[in-house]
Amino acid sequence: MIDKDLVVGALVTEWAAIDALLSGLDAAQWERATPCPHWSVRDVVGHLIGTERALLGERPAAAEADVAGRAHVHNEIGLVNERWIESQRGESPERLLERFREVTATRGAALAAMSGEDFHASSWTPAGQGTYARFMRIRVFDCWMHEQDIRDAVDRPGHEDGTPAEVAMDEIAEVLGYLVGKRAAVPDGDSVTLVLDGPLRRTLHVLVDGRARVVPRLDGPATASLTLPSGLFTRLCGGRVEPDERALAAVRIDGDQDLGRRVAGSLRFTI
């Protein structure tokens, strides 16, 4: 059961962190490219605003023809994201920040007032059918990842640990079995350990035993163990960093080297 207070608290905390970060940017910094492909800081903020407005039942004003032909739009979610960005394209950074504050305040109040039954009710999520609670945990992951996109774009690192980062990591752990078992095609009977050595510290074990799944512990040493910074791990998962030789130089692999490199190269899962 996903803890409502934990997830809603993390989301509100994350919105406050993004607000504080954006408040210190100048107009030029809002136009900088981020590691999120094809999006500037302005675009990321437009996306964040648009998603929360959509969750309030609003629709973007941009017509489908305005964005449908873009090469980086691969599906309906991507199309809707681009429509929201375009619908706010002409607004100033000051107005975008106002919109962000307005919509997150409204959404925060709505989430706080939501009953436990409604919060845990069945719902569509970007990861498929699930619960509204899972959707909101995905929102924490998405917002925290985009905060890091903005920080990378303006060279202001920070906030890579704490409650939002922990909740975001919980969401990554949810899909780690799929990444190891299907994407990396780790053979049945093998296992993988991922040791994140900071700023967020966590050890994740994946056992492939009929199916790949995250387990609390392994009976013995993993077939391959990867030790890497948590920031690199999340950026690999988010497709912000390519798993090339430069990135993999920061990953220590113990055990099966080929298997470890295959896992490191198979972590991307975001849309």
C-alpha atoms as a PDB file:
ATOM      1  CA  MET A   1       0.000   0.000   0.000  1.00  0.00           C
ATOM      2  CA  ILE A   2       1.435   3.371  -1.038  1.00  0.00           C
ATOM      3  CA  ASP A   3       1.390   5.811   1.884  1.00  0.00           C
ATOM      4  CA  LYS A   4      -0.794   8.807   1.012  1.00  0.00           C
ATOM      5  CA  ASP A   5       0.780  11.197   3.522  1.00  0.00           C
ATOM      6  CA  LEU A   6       4.273  10.282   2.367  1.00  0.00           C
ATOM      7  CA  VAL A   7       3.546  10.706  -1.344  1.00  0.00           C
ATOM      8  CA  VAL A   8       1.441  13.859  -1.067  1.00  0.00           C
ATOM      9  CA  GLY A   9       3.964  15.385   1.337  1.00  0.00           C
ATOM     10  CA  ALA A  10       6.790  14.548  -1.057  1.00  0.00           C
ATOM     11  CA  LEU A  11       4.927  16.101  -3.965  1.00  0.00           C
ATOM     12  CA  VAL A  12       4.224  19.332  -2.086  1.00  0.00           C
ATOM     13  CA  THR A  13       7.853  19.456  -0.936  1.00  0.00           C
ATOM     14  CA  GLU A  14       9.022  18.910  -4.503  1.00  0.00           C
ATOM     15  CA  TRP A  15       6.834  21.696  -5.854  1.00  0.00           C
ATOM     16  CA  ALA A  16       8.293  24.042  -3.228  1.00  0.00           C
ATOM     17  CA  ALA A  17      11.829  23.065  -4.282  1.00  0.00           C
ATOM     18  CA  ILE A  18      11.041  23.774  -7.939  1.00  0.00           C
ATOM     19  CA  ASP A  19       9.450  27.113  -6.983  1.00  0.00           C
ATOM     20  CA  ALA A  20      12.561  28.144  -5.045  1.00  0.00           C
ATOM     21  CA  LEU A  21      14.822  27.093  -7.919  1.00  0.00           C
ATOM     22  CA  LEU A  22      12.822  28.947 -10.571  1.00  0.00           C
ATOM     23  CA  SER A  23      12.598  32.068  -8.412  1.00  0.00           C
ATOM     24  CA  GLY A  24      16.361  32.507  -8.707  1.00  0.00           C
ATOM     25  CA  LEU A  25      16.617  32.258 -12.497  1.00  0.00           C
ATOM     26  CA  ASP A  26      17.006  35.113 -14.954  1.00  0.00           C
ATOM     27  CA  ALA A  27      15.253  35.338 -18.329  1.00  0.00           C
ATOM     28  CA  ALA A  28      18.189  33.817 -20.231  1.00  0.00           C
ATOM     29  CA  GLN A  29      18.309  30.790 -17.946  1.00  0.00           C
ATOM     30  CA  TRP A  30      14.647  30.046 -18.677  1.00  0.00           C
ATOM     31  CA  GLU A  31      15.621  29.537 -22.334  1.00  0.00           C
ATOM     32  CA  ARG A  32      18.507  27.130 -21.717  1.00  0.00           C
ATOM     33  CA  ALA A  33      18.307  23.609 -23.092  1.00  0.00           C
ATOM     34  CA  THR A  34      17.833  20.867 -20.511  1.00  0.00           C
ATOM     35  CA  PRO A  35      18.964  17.217 -20.637  1.00  0.00           C
ATOM     36  CA  CYS A  36      15.327  16.325 -21.322  1.00  0.00           C
ATOM     37  CA  PRO A  37      15.486  16.025 -25.125  1.00  0.00           C
ATOM     38  CA  HIS A  38      14.112  19.004 -27.076  1.00  0.00           C
ATOM     39  CA  TRP A  39      12.932  20.888 -23.975  1.00  0.00           C
ATOM     40  CA  SER A  40      14.225  24.136 -22.518  1.00  0.00           C
ATOM     41  CA  VAL A  41      13.714  25.167 -18.893  1.00  0.00           C
ATOM     42  CA  ARG A  42      10.624  27.057 -20.081  1.00  0.00           C
ATOM     43  CA  ASP A  43       9.305  23.920 -21.784  1.00  0.00           C
ATOM     44  CA  VAL A  44       9.846  21.782 -18.687  1.00  0.00           C
ATOM     45  CA  VAL A  45       7.901  24.269 -16.568  1.00  0.00           C
ATOM     46  CA  GLY A  46       5.136  24.411 -19.166  1.00  0.00           C
ATOM     47  CA  HIS A  47       4.944  20.625 -19.055  1.00  0.00           C
ATOM     48  CA  LEU A  48       4.744  20.549 -15.251  1.00  0.00           C
ATOM     49  CA  ILE A  49       1.994  23.158 -15.240  1.00  0.00           C
ATOM     50  CA  GLY A  50       0.109  21.391 -18.010  1.00  0.00           C
ATOM     51  CA  THR A  51       0.103  18.013 -16.295  1.00  0.00           C
ATOM     52  CA  GLU A  52      -1.304  19.440 -13.073  1.00  0.00           C
ATOM     53  CA  ARG A  53      -3.894  21.460 -14.984  1.00  0.00           C
ATOM     54  CA  ALA A  54      -4.887  18.287 -16.843  1.00  0.00           C
ATOM     55  CA  LEU A  55      -5.358  16.548 -13.494  1.00  0.00           C
ATOM     56  CA  LEU A  56      -7.776  19.363 -12.615  1.00  0.00           C
ATOM     57  CA  GLY A  57      -9.771  18.536 -15.745  1.00  0.00           C
ATOM     58  CA  GLU A  58      -8.428  21.269 -18.055  1.00  0.00           C
ATOM     59  CA  ARG A  59      -7.336  20.833 -21.672  1.00  0.00           C
ATOM     60  CA  PRO A  60      -4.563  22.578 -23.613  1.00  0.00           C
ATOM     61  CA  ALA A  61      -5.538  25.179 -26.165  1.00  0.00           C
ATOM     62  CA  ALA A  62      -2.894  24.266 -28.782  1.00  0.00           C
ATOM     63  CA  ALA A  63      -4.299  22.479 -31.835  1.00  0.00           C
ATOM     64  CA  GLU A  64      -3.082  18.990 -32.720  1.00  0.00           C
ATOM     65  CA  ALA A  65      -1.654  20.225 -36.029  1.00  0.00           C
ATOM     66  CA  ASP A  66       0.710  22.547 -34.157  1.00  0.00           C
ATOM     67  CA  VAL A  67       2.749  19.728 -32.625  1.00  0.00           C
ATOM     68  CA  ALA A  68       1.811  16.398 -34.219  1.00  0.00           C
ATOM     69  CA  GLY A  69       4.633  16.464 -36.771  1.00  0.00           C
ATOM     70  CA  ARG A  70       7.485  16.870 -34.318  1.00  0.00           C
ATOM     71  CA  ALA A  71      10.038  14.076 -34.578  1.00  0.00           C
ATOM     72  CA  HIS A  72      10.322  13.607 -30.804  1.00  0.00           C
ATOM     73  CA  VAL A  73       6.556  13.090 -30.353  1.00  0.00           C
ATOM     74  CA  HIS A  74       6.020   9.328 -30.428  1.00  0.00           C
ATOM     75  CA  ASN A  75       2.681   8.758 -28.701  1.00  0.00           C
ATOM     76  CA  GLU A  76      -0.461  10.346 -27.302  1.00  0.00           C
ATOM     77  CA  ILE A  77       1.159  11.317 -24.004  1.00  0.00           C
ATOM     78  CA  GLY A  78       3.961  13.073 -25.848  1.00  0.00           C
ATOM     79  CA  LEU A  79       1.432  14.839 -28.056  1.00  0.00           C
ATOM     80  CA  VAL A  80      -0.546  16.155 -25.089  1.00  0.00           C
ATOM     81  CA  ASN A  81       2.661  17.291 -23.375  1.00  0.00           C
ATOM     82  CA  GLU A  82       3.642  19.306 -26.449  1.00  0.00           C
ATOM     83  CA  ARG A  83       0.188  20.873 -26.685  1.00  0.00           C
ATOM     84  CA  TRP A  84       0.439  22.106 -23.123  1.00  0.00           C
ATOM     85  CA  ILE A  85       3.894  23.550 -23.752  1.00  0.00           C
ATOM     86  CA  GLU A  86       2.755  25.322 -26.916  1.00  0.00           C
ATOM     87  CA  SER A  87      -0.369  26.696 -25.262  1.00  0.00           C
ATOM     88  CA  GLN A  88       1.885  28.639 -22.856  1.00  0.00           C
ATOM     89  CA  ARG A  89       4.704  29.463 -25.281  1.00  0.00           C
ATOM     90  CA  GLY A  90       4.126  33.228 -25.350  1.00  0.00           C
ATOM     91  CA  GLU A  91       3.968  33.735 -21.607  1.00  0.00           C
ATOM     92  CA  SER A  92       6.753  35.416 -19.651  1.00  0.00           C
ATOM     93  CA  PRO A  93       8.825  33.518 -17.082  1.00  0.00           C
ATOM     94  CA  GLU A  94       7.130  35.576 -14.383  1.00  0.00           C
ATOM     95  CA  ARG A  95       3.682  34.503 -15.559  1.00  0.00           C
ATOM     96  CA  LEU A  96       4.755  30.870 -15.881  1.00  0.00           C
ATOM     97  CA  LEU A  97       6.018  30.921 -12.314  1.00  0.00           C
ATOM     98  CA  GLU A  98       2.706  32.439 -11.194  1.00  0.00           C
ATOM     99  CA  ARG A  99       0.829  29.706 -13.054  1.00  0.00           C
ATOM    100  CA  PHE A 100       3.020  27.049 -11.454  1.00  0.00           C
ATOM    101  CA  ARG A 101       2.322  28.413  -7.984  1.00  0.00           C
ATOM    102  CA  GLU A 102      -1.398  28.687  -8.647  1.00  0.00           C
ATOM    103  CA  VAL A 103      -1.880  25.198 -10.025  1.00  0.00           C
ATOM    104  CA  THR A 104       0.310  23.444  -7.457  1.00  0.00           C
ATOM    105  CA  ALA A 105      -1.483  25.224  -4.597  1.00  0.00           C
ATOM    106  CA  THR A 106      -4.829  24.087  -6.011  1.00  0.00           C
ATOM    107  CA  ARG A 107      -3.611  20.540  -6.580  1.00  0.00           C
ATOM    108  CA  GLY A 108      -2.010  20.345  -3.148  1.00  0.00           C
ATOM    109  CA  ALA A 109      -5.285  21.329  -1.500  1.00  0.00           C
ATOM    110  CA  ALA A 110      -7.223  18.818  -3.605  1.00  0.00           C
ATOM    111  CA  LEU A 111      -4.838  15.992  -2.702  1.00  0.00           C
ATOM    112  CA  ALA A 112      -4.944  16.852   1.001  1.00  0.00           C
ATOM    113  CA  ALA A 113      -8.757  16.740   0.929  1.00  0.00           C
ATOM    114  CA  MET A 114      -8.921  13.437  -0.954  1.00  0.00           C
ATOM    115  CA  SER A 115     -10.136  10.460   1.036  1.00  0.00           C
ATOM    116  CA  GLY A 116      -7.928   7.405   1.424  1.00  0.00           C
ATOM    117  CA  GLU A 117     -10.444   5.382  -0.542  1.00  0.00           C
ATOM    118  CA  ASP A 118     -10.295   7.761  -3.504  1.00  0.00           C
ATOM    119  CA  PHE A 119      -6.512   8.055  -3.301  1.00  0.00           C
ATOM    120  CA  HIS A 120      -6.129   4.290  -3.578  1.00  0.00           C
ATOM    121  CA  ALA A 121      -8.871   3.817  -6.172  1.00  0.00           C
ATOM    122  CA  SER A 122      -8.204   2.170  -9.534  1.00  0.00           C
ATOM    123  CA  SER A 123      -6.872   4.647 -12.078  1.00  0.00           C
ATOM    124  CA  TRP A 124      -5.066   5.017 -15.360  1.00  0.00           C
ATOM    125  CA  THR A 125      -1.400   5.893 -14.884  1.00  0.00           C
ATOM    126  CA  PRO A 126       1.418   6.632 -17.353  1.00  0.00           C
ATOM    127  CA  ALA A 127       2.690   3.127 -16.512  1.00  0.00           C
ATOM    128  CA  GLY A 128      -0.647   1.474 -17.339  1.00  0.00           C
ATOM    129  CA  GLN A 129      -3.668   0.659 -15.240  1.00  0.00           C
ATOM    130  CA  GLY A 130      -2.953   0.993 -11.539  1.00  0.00           C
ATOM    131  CA  THR A 131      -4.151   3.204  -8.724  1.00  0.00           C
ATOM    132  CA  TYR A 132      -4.341   6.943  -8.242  1.00  0.00           C
ATOM    133  CA  ALA A 133      -1.742   6.500  -5.473  1.00  0.00           C
ATOM    134  CA  ARG A 134       0.704   5.007  -7.993  1.00  0.00           C
ATOM    135  CA  PHE A 135      -0.056   7.863 -10.381  1.00  0.00           C
ATOM    136  CA  MET A 136       0.839  10.393  -7.698  1.00  0.00           C
ATOM    137  CA  ARG A 137       4.061   8.559  -6.904  1.00  0.00           C
ATOM    138  CA  ILE A 138       4.878   8.794 -10.604  1.00  0.00           C
ATOM    139  CA  ARG A 139       4.149  12.535 -10.334  1.00  0.00           C
ATOM    140  CA  VAL A 140       6.787  12.810  -7.589  1.00  0.00           C
ATOM    141  CA  PHE A 141       9.276  10.968  -9.806  1.00  0.00           C
ATOM    142  CA  ASP A 142       8.443  13.133 -12.831  1.00  0.00           C
ATOM    143  CA  CYS A 143       8.621  16.437 -10.959  1.00  0.00           C
ATOM    144  CA  TRP A 144      11.841  15.497  -9.168  1.00  0.00           C
ATOM    145  CA  MET A 145      13.471  14.366 -12.426  1.00  0.00           C
ATOM    146  CA  HIS A 146      12.476  17.636 -14.079  1.00  0.00           C
ATOM    147  CA  GLU A 147      13.872  19.619 -11.160  1.00  0.00           C
ATOM    148  CA  GLN A 148      17.170  17.880 -11.852  1.00  0.00           C
ATOM    149  CA  ASP A 149      16.797  18.724 -15.559  1.00  0.00           C
ATOM    150  CA  ILE A 150      16.489  22.401 -14.652  1.00  0.00           C
ATOM    151  CA  ARG A 151      19.394  22.218 -12.205  1.00  0.00           C
ATOM    152  CA  ASP A 152      21.615  20.587 -14.826  1.00  0.00           C
ATOM    153  CA  ALA A 153      20.647  23.222 -17.398  1.00  0.00           C
ATOM    154  CA  VAL A 154      21.513  26.165 -15.132  1.00  0.00           C
ATOM    155  CA  ASP A 155      24.419  24.469 -13.306  1.00  0.00           C
ATOM    156  CA  ARG A 156      22.818  24.553  -9.862  1.00  0.00           C
ATOM    157  CA  PRO A 157      23.157  20.997  -8.532  1.00  0.00           C
ATOM    158  CA  GLY A 158      21.300  19.980  -5.424  1.00  0.00           C
ATOM    159  CA  HIS A 159      18.275  18.278  -3.852  1.00  0.00           C
ATOM    160  CA  GLU A 160      19.415  14.831  -4.994  1.00  0.00           C
ATOM    161  CA  ASP A 161      18.433  13.245  -1.701  1.00  0.00           C
ATOM    162  CA  GLY A 162      15.607  13.746   0.777  1.00  0.00           C
ATOM    163  CA  THR A 163      11.992  12.602   0.721  1.00  0.00           C
ATOM    164  CA  PRO A 164      11.090  13.433  -2.924  1.00  0.00           C
ATOM    165  CA  ALA A 165      14.218  11.659  -4.143  1.00  0.00           C
ATOM    166  CA  GLU A 166      13.430   8.641  -1.946  1.00  0.00           C
ATOM    167  CA  VAL A 167       9.869   8.448  -3.289  1.00  0.00           C
ATOM    168  CA  ALA A 168      11.173   8.830  -6.850  1.00  0.00           C
ATOM    169  CA  MET A 169      13.546   5.939  -6.174  1.00  0.00           C
ATOM    170  CA  ASP A 170      10.626   3.850  -4.908  1.00  0.00           C
ATOM    171  CA  GLU A 171       8.999   4.375  -8.314  1.00  0.00           C
ATOM    172  CA  ILE A 172      12.171   3.354 -10.147  1.00  0.00           C
ATOM    173  CA  ALA A 173      12.377   0.216  -7.992  1.00  0.00           C
ATOM    174  CA  GLU A 174       8.861  -0.673  -9.170  1.00  0.00           C
ATOM    175  CA  VAL A 175      10.115  -1.132 -12.741  1.00  0.00           C
ATOM    176  CA  LEU A 176      13.613  -2.404 -12.022  1.00  0.00           C
ATOM    177  CA  GLY A 177      12.619  -6.054 -12.398  1.00  0.00           C
ATOM    178  CA  TYR A 178      11.383  -5.354 -15.909  1.00  0.00           C
ATOM    179  CA  LEU A 179      14.558  -3.474 -16.815  1.00  0.00           C
ATOM    180  CA  VAL A 180      16.809  -6.289 -15.593  1.00  0.00           C
ATOM    181  CA  GLY A 181      14.716  -9.237 -16.740  1.00  0.00           C
ATOM    182  CA  LYS A 182      13.367  -7.972 -20.063  1.00  0.00           C
ATOM    183  CA  ARG A 183      15.475  -5.051 -21.228  1.00  0.00           C
ATOM    184  CA  ALA A 184      18.836  -6.426 -20.088  1.00  0.00           C
ATOM    185  CA  ALA A 185      17.696 -10.051 -20.618  1.00  0.00           C
ATOM    186  CA  VAL A 186      19.477 -11.295 -17.505  1.00  0.00           C
ATOM    187  CA  PRO A 187      19.243 -15.117 -17.596  1.00  0.00           C
ATOM    188  CA  ASP A 188      17.099 -17.125 -15.232  1.00  0.00           C
ATOM    189  CA  GLY A 189      19.012 -17.984 -12.086  1.00  0.00           C
ATOM    190  CA  ASP A 190      21.223 -14.884 -12.221  1.00  0.00           C
ATOM    191  CA  SER A 191      20.974 -11.839 -10.002  1.00  0.00           C
ATOM    192  CA  VAL A 192      21.990  -8.177 -10.017  1.00  0.00           C
ATOM    193  CA  THR A 193      22.780  -5.778  -7.198  1.00  0.00           C
ATOM    194  CA  LEU A 194      22.791  -2.009  -7.676  1.00  0.00           C
ATOM    195  CA  VAL A 195      24.597  -0.048  -4.967  1.00  0.00           C
ATOM    196  CA  LEU A 196      23.867   3.685  -5.045  1.00  0.00           C
ATOM    197  CA  ASP A 197      26.644   5.407  -3.120  1.00  0.00           C
ATOM    198  CA  GLY A 198      25.239   8.936  -2.855  1.00  0.00           C
ATOM    199  CA  PRO A 199      23.918  11.516  -2.587  1.00  0.00           C
ATOM    200  CA  LEU A 200      20.958   9.126  -2.134  1.00  0.00           C
ATOM    201  CA  ARG A 201      22.142   5.811  -0.734  1.00  0.00           C
ATOM    202  CA  ARG A 202      20.285   2.591  -1.449  1.00  0.00           C
ATOM    203  CA  THR A 203      21.060  -1.015  -2.330  1.00  0.00           C
ATOM    204  CA  LEU A 204      18.692  -2.761  -4.750  1.00  0.00           C
ATOM    205  CA  HIS A 205      18.772  -6.494  -5.412  1.00  0.00           C
ATOM    206  CA  VAL A 206      17.098  -8.110  -8.415  1.00  0.00           C
ATOM    207  CA  LEU A 207      16.697 -11.864  -8.598  1.00  0.00           C
ATOM    208  CA  VAL A 208      15.713 -13.610 -11.831  1.00  0.00           C
ATOM    209  CA  ASP A 209      13.880 -16.738 -10.757  1.00  0.00           C
ATOM    210  CA  GLY A 210      11.171 -17.469 -13.291  1.00  0.00           C
ATOM    211  CA  ARG A 211      10.647 -13.723 -13.438  1.00  0.00           C
ATOM    212  CA  ALA A 212      12.851 -10.816 -12.418  1.00  0.00           C
ATOM    213  CA  ARG A 213      11.866  -9.071  -9.221  1.00  0.00           C
ATOM    214  CA  VAL A 214      13.343  -6.782  -6.597  1.00  0.00           C
ATOM    215  CA  VAL A 215      14.045  -8.699  -3.391  1.00  0.00           C
ATOM    216  CA  PRO A 216      15.167  -7.542   0.067  1.00  0.00           C
ATOM    217  CA  ARG A 217      18.349  -9.645  -0.039  1.00  0.00           C
ATOM    218  CA  LEU A 218      20.187 -12.334  -1.981  1.00  0.00           C
ATOM    219  CA  ASP A 219      21.386 -15.648  -0.587  1.00  0.00           C
ATOM    220  CA  GLY A 220      24.875 -15.011  -1.934  1.00  0.00           C
ATOM    221  CA  PRO A 221      26.882 -12.574  -4.089  1.00  0.00           C
ATOM    222  CA  ALA A 222      25.076 -11.207  -7.143  1.00  0.00           C
ATOM    223  CA  THR A 223      26.071 -12.421 -10.594  1.00  0.00           C
ATOM    224  CA  ALA A 224      26.875  -8.776 -11.320  1.00  0.00           C
ATOM    225  CA  SER A 225      27.042  -5.880  -8.883  1.00  0.00           C
ATOM    226  CA  LEU A 226      27.065  -2.253 -10.040  1.00  0.00           C
ATOM    227  CA  THR A 227      28.149   0.595  -7.761  1.00  0.00           C
ATOM    228  CA  LEU A 228      27.445   4.117  -9.005  1.00  0.00           C
ATOM    229  CA  PRO A 229      26.281   7.570  -7.888  1.00  0.00           C
ATOM    230  CA  SER A 230      22.524   7.852  -7.459  1.00  0.00           C
ATOM    231  CA  GLY A 231      22.467  10.884  -9.747  1.00  0.00           C
ATOM    232  CA  LEU A 232      24.014   8.925 -12.588  1.00  0.00           C
ATOM    233  CA  PHE A 233      21.611   6.028 -11.966  1.00  0.00           C
ATOM    234  CA  THR A 234      18.511   8.236 -12.137  1.00  0.00           C
ATOM    235  CA  ARG A 235      19.791  10.048 -15.217  1.00  0.00           C
ATOM    236  CA  LEU A 236      20.417   6.730 -16.961  1.00  0.00           C
ATOM    237  CA  CYS A 237      16.889   5.636 -16.021  1.00  0.00           C
ATOM    238  CA  GLY A 238      15.490   8.904 -17.353  1.00  0.00           C
ATOM    239  CA  GLY A 239      17.436   8.832 -20.613  1.00  0.00           C
ATOM    240  CA  ARG A 240      19.233  12.055 -19.700  1.00  0.00           C
ATOM    241  CA  VAL A 241      22.640  10.377 -19.992  1.00  0.00           C
ATOM    242  CA  GLU A 242      23.650   7.891 -22.659  1.00  0.00           C
ATOM    243  CA  PRO A 243      25.230   4.670 -21.342  1.00  0.00           C
ATOM    244  CA  ASP A 244      28.437   5.326 -23.265  1.00  0.00           C
ATOM    245  CA  GLU A 245      32.042   4.738 -22.225  1.00  0.00           C
ATOM    246  CA  ARG A 246      32.237   8.055 -20.411  1.00  0.00           C
ATOM    247  CA  ALA A 247      29.170   7.292 -18.268  1.00  0.00           C
ATOM    248  CA  LEU A 248      30.157   3.696 -17.640  1.00  0.00           C
ATOM    249  CA  ALA A 249      33.575   4.832 -16.431  1.00  0.00           C
ATOM    250  CA  ALA A 250      31.784   6.023 -13.277  1.00  0.00           C
ATOM    251  CA  VAL A 251      30.222   2.583 -12.706  1.00  0.00           C
ATOM    252  CA  ARG A 252      32.183  -0.060 -10.790  1.00  0.00           C
ATOM    253  CA  ILE A 253      31.159  -3.543 -11.890  1.00  0.00           C
ATOM    254  CA  ASP A 254      31.977  -6.580  -9.788  1.00  0.00           C
ATOM    255  CA  GLY A 255      31.318 -10.101 -10.997  1.00  0.00           C
ATOM    256  CA  ASP A 256      30.150 -10.706 -14.566  1.00  0.00           C
ATOM    257  CA  GLN A 257      31.478  -7.669 -16.448  1.00  0.00           C
ATOM    258  CA  ASP A 258      29.488  -8.205 -19.635  1.00  0.00           C
ATOM    259  CA  LEU A 259      26.257  -8.691 -17.732  1.00  0.00           C
ATOM    260  CA  GLY A 260      26.922  -5.620 -15.627  1.00  0.00           C
ATOM    261  CA  ARG A 261      27.529  -3.451 -18.679  1.00  0.00           C
ATOM    262  CA  ARG A 262      24.381  -4.811 -20.297  1.00  0.00           C
ATOM    263  CA  VAL A 263      22.341  -3.856 -17.248  1.00  0.00           C
ATOM    264  CA  ALA A 264      23.891  -0.380 -17.144  1.00  0.00           C
ATOM    265  CA  GLY A 265      22.960   0.076 -20.793  1.00  0.00           C
ATOM    266  CA  SER A 266      19.351  -1.038 -20.290  1.00  0.00           C
ATOM    267  CA  LEU A 267      18.137   1.265 -17.529  1.00  0.00           C
ATOM    268  CA  ARG A 268      16.246   3.846 -19.562  1.00  0.00           C
ATOM    269  CA  PHE A 269      12.484   3.491 -19.135  1.00  0.00           C
ATOM    270  CA  THR A 270      10.891   6.940 -19.356  1.00  0.00           C
ATOM    271  CA  ILE A 271       8.773   8.014 -22.325  1.00  0.00           C
END
